[in-house]
N, C-alpha and C. Protein backbone atom coordinates (compact mmCIF):
# COMPACT_ATOMS: atom_id res chain seq x y z
N UNK A 1 12.35 7.16 54.99
CA UNK A 1 12.66 6.36 54.04
C UNK A 1 14.13 6.01 54.34
N UNK A 2 14.32 4.94 53.71
CA UNK A 2 15.58 3.93 53.67
C UNK A 2 17.01 4.38 53.71
N UNK A 3 17.70 4.49 54.69
CA UNK A 3 18.86 5.34 54.42
C UNK A 3 19.56 5.05 53.11
N UNK A 4 19.71 3.81 52.90
CA UNK A 4 20.25 3.64 51.61
C UNK A 4 19.70 4.18 50.24
N UNK A 5 18.34 4.36 50.04
CA UNK A 5 17.84 4.85 48.72
C UNK A 5 17.89 6.31 49.12
N UNK A 6 18.38 6.65 50.05
CA UNK A 6 18.21 8.33 50.72
C UNK A 6 19.63 8.60 49.71
N UNK A 7 20.51 8.42 50.29
CA UNK A 7 21.51 8.53 49.59
C UNK A 7 21.97 8.44 48.16
N UNK A 8 21.34 7.51 47.65
CA UNK A 8 21.16 6.74 45.78
C UNK A 8 20.32 8.81 45.54
N UNK A 9 19.29 8.48 46.23
CA UNK A 9 18.40 10.18 45.47
C UNK A 9 19.18 11.12 46.13
N UNK A 10 20.06 11.22 47.12
CA UNK A 10 20.82 12.25 47.17
C UNK A 10 21.85 12.78 46.08
N UNK A 11 22.21 11.51 45.84
CA UNK A 11 23.78 11.41 44.90
C UNK A 11 22.62 11.82 43.37
N UNK A 12 21.79 11.39 43.11
CA UNK A 12 21.20 11.31 41.99
C UNK A 12 21.35 12.69 41.53
N UNK A 13 20.45 13.68 42.70
CA UNK A 13 19.79 14.83 42.77
C UNK A 13 21.53 15.88 42.65
N UNK A 14 22.64 15.76 43.47
CA UNK A 14 23.60 16.61 43.03
C UNK A 14 23.92 16.41 41.68
N UNK A 15 24.25 14.87 41.16
CA UNK A 15 24.18 14.81 39.94
C UNK A 15 23.71 15.57 38.48
N UNK A 16 22.49 15.51 38.88
CA UNK A 16 21.84 15.90 37.53
C UNK A 16 21.78 17.04 38.06
N UNK A 17 21.91 18.12 38.94
CA UNK A 17 22.60 19.77 39.35
C UNK A 17 23.57 19.79 38.55
N UNK A 18 24.67 19.27 39.08
CA UNK A 18 25.89 20.05 38.54
C UNK A 18 25.84 19.87 36.38
N UNK A 19 25.42 18.57 36.43
CA UNK A 19 25.62 17.95 34.46
C UNK A 19 24.23 19.39 34.07
N UNK A 20 22.68 19.67 34.90
CA UNK A 20 22.50 21.03 34.05
C UNK A 20 23.17 22.21 34.31
N UNK A 21 23.99 22.62 35.38
CA UNK A 21 25.03 23.38 35.38
C UNK A 21 26.10 24.00 34.04
N UNK A 22 26.70 22.33 34.01
CA UNK A 22 27.32 22.33 33.32
C UNK A 22 27.01 21.83 31.82
N UNK A 23 25.61 21.30 31.41
CA UNK A 23 25.77 20.74 30.15
C UNK A 23 25.83 22.32 28.87
N UNK A 24 26.14 21.92 27.68
CA UNK A 24 26.23 22.94 26.60
C UNK A 24 24.79 23.19 26.78
N UNK A 25 23.88 22.32 26.36
CA UNK A 25 22.22 22.35 25.70
C UNK A 25 21.38 22.72 26.61
N UNK A 26 21.93 23.19 27.75
CA UNK A 26 20.84 23.77 29.33
C UNK A 26 20.61 25.18 28.55
N UNK A 27 19.48 25.19 28.93
CA UNK A 27 18.95 26.53 28.10
C UNK A 27 18.17 27.35 28.97
N UNK A 28 17.20 28.37 29.08
CA UNK A 28 16.51 29.23 29.93
C UNK A 28 15.02 28.24 30.07
N UNK A 29 14.83 27.35 29.45
CA UNK A 29 13.75 26.76 29.46
C UNK A 29 13.81 25.32 30.02
N UNK A 30 15.48 25.56 30.41
CA UNK A 30 15.42 24.27 31.88
C UNK A 30 15.16 22.84 31.11
N UNK A 31 15.35 22.39 29.60
CA UNK A 31 15.74 21.34 29.11
C UNK A 31 16.84 20.94 29.40
N UNK A 32 17.42 20.38 29.53
CA UNK A 32 18.74 19.68 30.39
C UNK A 32 19.16 18.29 28.61
N UNK A 33 18.24 17.49 28.69
CA UNK A 33 18.64 16.29 27.14
C UNK A 33 17.81 16.42 26.35
N UNK A 34 18.46 17.06 25.36
CA UNK A 34 18.19 17.89 24.31
C UNK A 34 17.72 16.19 23.25
N UNK A 35 16.28 17.10 22.77
CA UNK A 35 15.82 15.98 21.82
C UNK A 35 15.78 15.83 20.29
N UNK A 36 17.05 17.07 19.99
CA UNK A 36 17.43 17.00 18.72
C UNK A 36 18.77 15.48 18.66
N UNK A 37 19.02 15.50 17.60
CA UNK A 37 19.77 14.30 17.38
C UNK A 37 21.28 14.84 17.77
N UNK A 38 21.60 15.37 17.74
CA UNK A 38 23.11 16.12 18.12
C UNK A 38 22.96 16.03 19.86
N UNK A 39 22.40 16.18 20.44
CA UNK A 39 21.73 15.78 22.30
C UNK A 39 21.65 14.51 22.74
N UNK A 40 21.71 13.57 21.74
CA UNK A 40 21.85 12.23 22.29
C UNK A 40 22.53 11.61 23.25
N UNK A 41 23.65 12.03 22.10
CA UNK A 41 25.44 11.50 23.11
C UNK A 41 24.99 12.45 24.49
N UNK A 42 25.07 13.51 25.21
CA UNK A 42 24.88 13.78 26.15
C UNK A 42 24.04 13.30 26.74
N UNK A 43 22.86 13.04 26.55
CA UNK A 43 21.53 12.51 27.36
C UNK A 43 22.04 10.97 27.17
N UNK A 44 22.52 10.29 26.67
CA UNK A 44 22.99 8.53 27.27
C UNK A 44 24.15 9.08 27.94
N UNK A 45 25.06 9.68 28.16
CA UNK A 45 26.23 10.02 28.82
C UNK A 45 25.42 10.27 30.32
N UNK A 46 24.86 11.03 30.38
CA UNK A 46 24.23 11.08 31.67
C UNK A 46 23.47 10.20 32.34
N UNK A 47 22.92 9.67 31.53
CA UNK A 47 22.32 8.19 31.89
C UNK A 47 23.14 7.37 32.45
N UNK A 48 24.58 7.19 31.64
CA UNK A 48 25.52 6.05 32.13
C UNK A 48 25.69 6.63 33.38
N UNK A 49 26.45 8.20 33.41
CA UNK A 49 27.13 8.61 34.69
C UNK A 49 25.81 8.30 35.93
N UNK A 50 24.61 8.29 35.70
CA UNK A 50 23.95 7.91 36.78
C UNK A 50 24.02 6.80 36.91
N UNK A 51 23.57 5.95 36.28
CA UNK A 51 23.84 4.36 36.06
C UNK A 51 25.19 3.73 37.34
N UNK A 52 26.28 4.47 36.70
CA UNK A 52 27.32 4.22 37.18
C UNK A 52 27.72 4.64 38.89
N UNK A 53 27.11 6.03 39.05
CA UNK A 53 27.36 6.38 40.36
C UNK A 53 26.26 6.11 40.83
N UNK A 54 24.80 5.03 40.52
CA UNK A 54 24.06 4.41 41.57
C UNK A 54 24.93 3.35 41.70
N UNK A 55 25.51 2.47 40.93
CA UNK A 55 25.93 1.29 41.24
C UNK A 55 27.13 1.75 42.14
N UNK A 56 28.10 2.54 41.83
CA UNK A 56 29.19 2.85 43.37
C UNK A 56 28.43 2.81 44.87
N UNK A 57 27.58 3.64 44.78
CA UNK A 57 26.68 4.27 46.03
C UNK A 57 26.31 2.75 46.49
N UNK A 58 25.62 1.77 45.53
CA UNK A 58 25.21 0.41 46.51
C UNK A 58 26.40 -0.10 47.15
N UNK A 59 27.62 -0.23 46.32
CA UNK A 59 27.82 -0.83 46.98
C UNK A 59 28.80 -0.66 48.33
N UNK A 60 28.98 0.71 48.18
CA UNK A 60 29.74 1.68 49.59
C UNK A 60 28.29 1.23 50.38
N UNK A 61 27.33 1.35 50.61
CA UNK A 61 26.42 1.39 51.34
C UNK A 61 26.23 -0.46 52.31
N UNK A 62 26.36 -1.16 51.13
CA UNK A 62 26.83 -2.92 51.54
C UNK A 62 27.83 -2.69 52.47
N UNK A 63 29.14 -2.16 51.96
CA UNK A 63 30.36 -2.72 52.70
C UNK A 63 30.51 -2.06 54.01
N UNK A 64 29.56 -0.88 54.18
CA UNK A 64 29.53 0.15 55.19
C UNK A 64 28.89 -0.63 56.58
N UNK A 65 28.19 -1.70 56.05
CA UNK A 65 26.97 -2.74 56.65
C UNK A 65 28.00 -3.33 57.68
N UNK A 66 28.59 -4.13 56.66
CA UNK A 66 29.82 -5.33 57.37
C UNK A 66 30.89 -5.70 57.12
N UNK A 67 31.89 -4.73 57.92
CA UNK A 67 32.94 -4.34 57.37
C UNK A 67 34.34 -5.52 57.89
N UNK A 68 33.95 -5.99 58.71
CA UNK A 68 34.89 -7.35 59.16
C UNK A 68 34.03 -8.35 58.94
N UNK A 69 34.91 -9.96 59.26
CA UNK A 69 34.32 -11.21 59.11
C UNK A 69 34.79 -11.66 60.31
N UNK A 70 33.83 -12.83 60.52
CA UNK A 70 33.66 -13.21 61.48
C UNK A 70 34.17 -14.37 61.85
N UNK A 71 35.34 -15.30 62.49
CA UNK A 71 35.49 -16.59 62.13
C UNK A 71 35.26 -17.18 63.59
N UNK A 72 34.83 -18.24 64.25
CA UNK A 72 34.85 -18.83 65.33
C UNK A 72 35.61 -19.95 65.36
N UNK A 73 36.54 -19.35 67.24
CA UNK A 73 37.30 -20.52 67.44
C UNK A 73 37.22 -20.98 68.59
N UNK A 74 36.04 -20.86 69.45
CA UNK A 74 35.85 -21.19 70.54
C UNK A 74 36.22 -22.54 71.10
N UNK A 75 35.43 -23.45 70.16
CA UNK A 75 35.74 -25.14 70.65
C UNK A 75 37.16 -25.42 69.94
N UNK A 76 38.26 -24.24 69.85
CA UNK A 76 39.57 -24.45 69.47
C UNK A 76 40.07 -25.52 70.91
N UNK A 77 39.56 -25.32 71.72
CA UNK A 77 40.45 -25.51 73.31
C UNK A 77 38.82 -26.15 74.34
N UNK A 78 39.08 -27.64 74.70
CA UNK A 78 38.02 -28.09 75.36
C UNK A 78 37.60 -27.28 76.83
N UNK A 79 38.53 -26.66 77.21
CA UNK A 79 38.03 -25.76 78.63
C UNK A 79 37.40 -24.63 77.69
N UNK A 80 37.71 -23.93 76.76
CA UNK A 80 36.92 -22.33 76.30
C UNK A 80 35.39 -23.41 75.84
N UNK A 81 35.76 -23.97 75.12
CA UNK A 81 34.32 -24.74 74.45
C UNK A 81 33.36 -24.90 76.22
N UNK A 82 33.59 -25.27 77.19
CA UNK A 82 32.68 -25.65 77.93
C UNK A 82 32.01 -24.67 78.73
N UNK A 83 32.99 -23.81 78.67
CA UNK A 83 32.92 -22.55 79.66
C UNK A 83 31.75 -21.41 78.68
N UNK A 84 32.18 -21.54 77.03
CA UNK A 84 31.06 -21.17 76.15
C UNK A 84 29.68 -21.55 76.61
N UNK A 85 29.20 -23.09 76.70
CA UNK A 85 28.26 -23.81 76.85
C UNK A 85 27.70 -23.17 77.82
N UNK A 86 28.18 -23.58 78.70
CA UNK A 86 27.64 -22.80 80.38
C UNK A 86 26.86 -21.54 80.10
N UNK A 87 27.78 -21.22 79.44
CA UNK A 87 27.12 -19.53 79.50
C UNK A 87 26.34 -19.50 78.52
N UNK A 88 26.24 -20.01 77.09
CA UNK A 88 25.24 -20.07 76.10
C UNK A 88 23.56 -20.72 76.62
N UNK A 89 23.94 -21.11 77.85
CA UNK A 89 22.32 -21.72 78.64
C UNK A 89 21.64 -20.73 78.54
N UNK A 90 21.46 -20.12 78.74
CA UNK A 90 20.23 -18.60 79.12
C UNK A 90 19.98 -17.75 77.29
N UNK A 91 18.60 -17.98 77.21
CA UNK A 91 18.24 -17.67 75.94
C UNK A 91 18.83 -16.15 75.65
N UNK A 92 18.56 -14.92 77.02
CA UNK A 92 18.99 -13.47 76.48
C UNK A 92 20.35 -13.72 77.08
N UNK A 93 21.41 -14.57 77.07
CA UNK A 93 22.84 -14.34 77.25
C UNK A 93 22.90 -15.27 75.88
N UNK A 94 22.88 -15.74 74.91
CA UNK A 94 22.69 -15.67 73.71
C UNK A 94 22.27 -14.64 72.85
N UNK A 95 21.43 -14.06 73.26
CA UNK A 95 20.78 -12.81 72.27
C UNK A 95 22.08 -11.58 72.46
N UNK A 96 22.87 -11.54 73.72
CA UNK A 96 23.44 -10.68 73.94
C UNK A 96 24.77 -10.84 73.19
N UNK A 97 25.26 -12.62 73.01
CA UNK A 97 26.63 -12.93 72.73
C UNK A 97 26.19 -12.67 70.90
N UNK A 98 25.06 -12.92 70.04
CA UNK A 98 24.59 -12.67 69.34
C UNK A 98 25.09 -11.24 68.80
N UNK A 99 24.40 -10.07 69.72
CA UNK A 99 24.03 -8.85 69.76
C UNK A 99 25.91 -8.30 69.55
N UNK A 100 27.08 -8.66 70.41
CA UNK A 100 28.45 -8.06 70.20
C UNK A 100 28.84 -8.59 68.96
N UNK A 101 28.58 -9.75 68.42
CA UNK A 101 29.44 -10.72 67.63
C UNK A 101 28.77 -9.40 66.36
N UNK A 102 27.40 -9.38 66.14
CA UNK A 102 27.21 -8.31 64.95
C UNK A 102 27.94 -7.17 65.07
N UNK A 103 27.97 -6.14 66.08
CA UNK A 103 28.65 -5.47 66.03
C UNK A 103 30.08 -5.18 66.10
N UNK A 104 30.56 -6.33 66.45
CA UNK A 104 32.05 -6.55 66.22
C UNK A 104 32.24 -6.85 65.25
N UNK A 105 31.17 -7.70 63.93
CA UNK A 105 31.16 -7.70 62.34
C UNK A 105 31.18 -5.98 61.61
N UNK A 106 30.44 -4.97 62.58
CA UNK A 106 30.76 -3.91 61.57
C UNK A 106 31.66 -3.05 62.56
N UNK A 107 32.62 -3.45 62.48
CA UNK A 107 34.01 -3.20 63.42
C UNK A 107 33.93 -2.02 64.89
N UNK A 108 32.85 -2.40 65.26
CA UNK A 108 32.71 -1.34 66.69
C UNK A 108 33.33 -2.35 67.30
N UNK A 109 34.49 -2.41 68.08
CA UNK A 109 35.32 -2.75 69.17
C UNK A 109 34.83 -2.04 70.37
N UNK A 110 33.60 -1.03 70.55
CA UNK A 110 33.69 -0.71 71.75
C UNK A 110 32.26 -1.13 72.11
N UNK A 111 31.18 -2.01 71.66
CA UNK A 111 30.26 -2.20 71.72
C UNK A 111 30.05 -2.97 73.01
N UNK A 112 29.16 -2.76 73.69
CA UNK A 112 28.15 -3.32 74.94
C UNK A 112 28.08 -2.50 76.21
N UNK A 113 29.48 -2.58 76.83
CA UNK A 113 29.38 -1.27 78.25
C UNK A 113 30.91 -0.48 77.79
N UNK A 114 31.12 -0.26 76.33
CA UNK A 114 32.07 0.91 75.84
C UNK A 114 33.69 0.05 76.24
N UNK A 115 34.61 0.50 76.57
CA UNK A 115 35.61 0.74 76.12
C UNK A 115 35.84 -1.20 76.24
N UNK A 116 36.60 -2.16 75.28
CA UNK A 116 36.60 -3.40 75.48
C UNK A 116 38.10 -4.11 76.85
N UNK A 117 37.45 -4.55 77.39
CA UNK A 117 39.13 -5.56 77.89
C UNK A 117 39.69 -6.20 77.43
N UNK A 118 40.73 -6.45 78.03
CA UNK A 118 42.16 -6.69 77.27
C UNK A 118 42.81 -7.80 78.08
N UNK A 119 43.45 -8.98 78.03
CA UNK A 119 43.62 -9.80 78.56
C UNK A 119 44.98 -9.67 78.34
N UNK A 120 45.30 -9.22 79.32
CA UNK A 120 47.00 -9.48 79.42
C UNK A 120 48.28 -9.94 78.94
N UNK A 121 48.88 -10.01 78.55
CA UNK A 121 49.69 -10.77 77.78
C UNK A 121 49.70 -11.43 76.62
N UNK A 122 48.75 -11.20 75.93
CA UNK A 122 47.57 -11.76 74.58
C UNK A 122 47.70 -10.43 73.59
N UNK A 123 47.16 -10.91 72.35
CA UNK A 123 46.11 -10.01 71.61
C UNK A 123 44.84 -10.16 71.24
N UNK A 124 44.23 -10.51 72.59
CA UNK A 124 43.03 -10.86 72.76
C UNK A 124 42.00 -9.71 73.99
N UNK A 125 40.95 -9.51 73.07
CA UNK A 125 40.33 -8.45 73.65
C UNK A 125 39.18 -9.23 74.27
N UNK A 126 38.10 -8.20 75.16
CA UNK A 126 36.87 -8.78 75.22
C UNK A 126 36.07 -7.75 75.27
N UNK A 127 34.19 -7.87 74.49
CA UNK A 127 33.39 -7.03 74.96
C UNK A 127 32.87 -7.66 75.67
N UNK A 128 32.06 -6.44 76.60
CA UNK A 128 30.98 -6.91 78.11
C UNK A 128 29.62 -6.43 77.72
N UNK A 129 28.37 -7.14 77.63
CA UNK A 129 27.22 -6.70 78.05
C UNK A 129 26.86 -6.63 79.34
N UNK A 130 25.36 -5.39 79.31
CA UNK A 130 25.16 -5.02 80.89
C UNK A 130 24.58 -6.65 81.60
N UNK A 131 24.32 -7.64 80.65
CA UNK A 131 23.67 -8.89 81.28
C UNK A 131 25.04 -9.97 81.88
N UNK A 132 25.95 -9.41 81.33
CA UNK A 132 27.24 -10.34 81.75
C UNK A 132 27.80 -10.86 80.73
N UNK A 133 27.43 -10.81 79.43
CA UNK A 133 27.76 -11.90 78.59
C UNK A 133 29.16 -10.78 78.48
N UNK A 134 30.00 -11.89 77.90
CA UNK A 134 31.55 -11.80 77.69
C UNK A 134 31.97 -12.02 76.29
N UNK A 135 32.23 -11.53 75.56
CA UNK A 135 32.76 -12.30 74.05
C UNK A 135 34.74 -11.65 73.70
N UNK A 136 35.00 -12.62 73.79
CA UNK A 136 36.98 -13.07 73.79
C UNK A 136 36.94 -12.66 72.23
N UNK A 137 38.12 -12.05 71.67
CA UNK A 137 38.11 -12.17 70.44
C UNK A 137 39.21 -11.24 70.10
N UNK A 138 39.99 -11.96 69.09
CA UNK A 138 41.18 -10.62 68.21
C UNK A 138 41.62 -10.87 67.22
N UNK A 139 41.82 -10.02 66.27
CA UNK A 139 42.37 -9.93 65.05
C UNK A 139 43.31 -10.99 64.86
N UNK A 140 43.29 -11.31 63.29
CA UNK A 140 43.61 -12.31 62.01
C UNK A 140 43.44 -12.27 61.35
N UNK A 141 44.89 -11.64 60.64
CA UNK A 141 44.45 -10.94 59.22
C UNK A 141 44.33 -9.43 58.99
N UNK A 142 44.10 -8.46 58.00
CA UNK A 142 43.86 -7.45 58.18
C UNK A 142 42.11 -7.25 58.29
N UNK A 143 41.21 -8.40 57.80
CA UNK A 143 39.40 -7.70 58.31
C UNK A 143 38.90 -8.68 59.19
N UNK A 144 39.44 -9.60 59.74
CA UNK A 144 39.29 -10.83 60.47
C UNK A 144 38.90 -10.87 61.39
N UNK A 145 37.98 -11.00 62.55
CA UNK A 145 38.02 -11.06 63.82
C UNK A 145 37.95 -12.45 64.32
N UNK A 146 38.44 -13.08 65.03
CA UNK A 146 38.35 -14.59 65.63
C UNK A 146 37.75 -14.57 66.85
N UNK A 147 36.49 -15.41 67.21
CA UNK A 147 36.31 -15.25 68.60
C UNK A 147 36.07 -16.80 69.14
N UNK A 148 37.25 -16.21 70.18
CA UNK A 148 38.19 -16.96 71.20
C UNK A 148 37.38 -17.90 72.25
N UNK A 149 36.75 -17.05 72.76
CA UNK A 149 35.84 -17.61 73.87
C UNK A 149 34.51 -17.16 73.91
N UNK A 150 33.30 -16.95 74.72
CA UNK A 150 32.54 -16.37 75.52
C UNK A 150 32.14 -16.73 76.69
N UNK A 151 31.97 -16.09 77.77
CA UNK A 151 31.70 -16.22 79.38
C UNK A 151 30.70 -15.49 79.65
N UNK A 152 30.11 -16.02 81.00
CA UNK A 152 29.55 -15.07 81.51
C UNK A 152 30.18 -14.56 82.90
N UNK A 153 29.65 -13.26 83.31
CA UNK A 153 30.21 -13.04 84.42
C UNK A 153 30.98 -13.39 85.36
N UNK A 154 29.90 -14.18 85.87
CA UNK A 154 31.19 -15.51 87.05
C UNK A 154 31.73 -16.32 86.86
N UNK A 155 32.05 -16.48 85.20
CA UNK A 155 33.29 -17.29 84.84
C UNK A 155 34.16 -16.41 84.16
N UNK A 156 34.05 -15.12 84.10
CA UNK A 156 35.10 -14.17 83.73
C UNK A 156 36.24 -14.68 84.25
N UNK A 157 36.98 -14.63 85.24
CA UNK A 157 38.11 -14.45 85.53
C UNK A 157 39.02 -15.96 84.91
N UNK A 158 37.63 -16.87 84.90
CA UNK A 158 38.70 -18.35 84.83
C UNK A 158 39.09 -18.59 83.22
N UNK A 159 37.87 -17.64 82.64
CA UNK A 159 37.88 -17.68 81.01
C UNK A 159 39.16 -16.87 80.71
N UNK A 160 39.72 -15.64 81.67
CA UNK A 160 40.61 -15.00 81.02
C UNK A 160 42.08 -15.80 81.70
N UNK A 161 41.97 -16.61 82.76
CA UNK A 161 43.12 -17.51 82.50
C UNK A 161 43.47 -18.38 82.26
N UNK A 162 42.11 -18.98 81.12
CA UNK A 162 42.33 -20.12 80.12
C UNK A 162 42.92 -19.56 78.73
N UNK A 163 42.15 -17.94 78.71
CA UNK A 163 42.90 -17.11 77.48
C UNK A 163 44.25 -17.05 77.74
N UNK A 164 44.94 -16.55 78.54
CA UNK A 164 45.98 -16.77 78.74
C UNK A 164 46.91 -17.47 78.63
N UNK A 165 46.72 -18.42 79.18
CA UNK A 165 47.27 -19.45 79.39
C UNK A 165 47.57 -20.14 77.08
N UNK A 166 45.99 -20.49 76.61
CA UNK A 166 46.12 -20.59 75.56
C UNK A 166 46.86 -19.51 74.36
N UNK A 167 46.21 -18.73 74.83
CA UNK A 167 46.69 -17.31 73.54
C UNK A 167 48.20 -16.39 74.05
N UNK A 168 48.75 -16.78 75.36
CA UNK A 168 50.07 -15.97 75.30
C UNK A 168 50.89 -15.89 74.37
N UNK A 169 51.37 -14.76 73.98
CA UNK A 169 52.52 -14.59 73.02
C UNK A 169 54.01 -13.26 73.08
N UNK A 170 54.54 -13.54 72.26
CA UNK A 170 55.34 -12.43 72.83
C UNK A 170 54.53 -10.98 71.40
N UNK A 171 54.14 -10.15 72.22
CA UNK A 171 53.04 -9.03 71.54
C UNK A 171 53.33 -8.03 72.86
N UNK A 172 53.39 -7.15 71.89
CA UNK A 172 53.83 -5.36 72.46
C UNK A 172 52.12 -4.92 71.89
N UNK A 173 51.95 -4.24 73.24
CA UNK A 173 51.00 -3.42 73.09
C UNK A 173 50.37 -2.98 74.44
């Protein structure tokens, strides 16, 4: 079962259980929603509460998948754009860049080989894939990562030097 629907059914089951325990119309026959006119309001209230809960759960599960926004600034500087083009010539390398970007969008700053690298003197970090893909990024705003460079393992040092040249700032960290 899809995780999203599992959460919906779980919340629904808990909600119905709590309502059946607390409902003044609950009796030994197990009837929770009364068929009498006086019980109509509590039945509608239960249905409204269930609908509201499902909407909240749906909103929560949608946001968990993509917690951050990504922007791409690779073409801002010609040298970084050239390195990214060279690194992106391989289909496998492009797949790894896409994978690292998807993980970063989820907020996973330790995707790939684990602990991210850091370009000293800047606020730029980079994710490393096992095939040599390197994705350089920094945070802009509260919930946006900006991708500033892409590189392969052989050009990593040159890209780090270029990133340092373009993104050096007074940064404490």
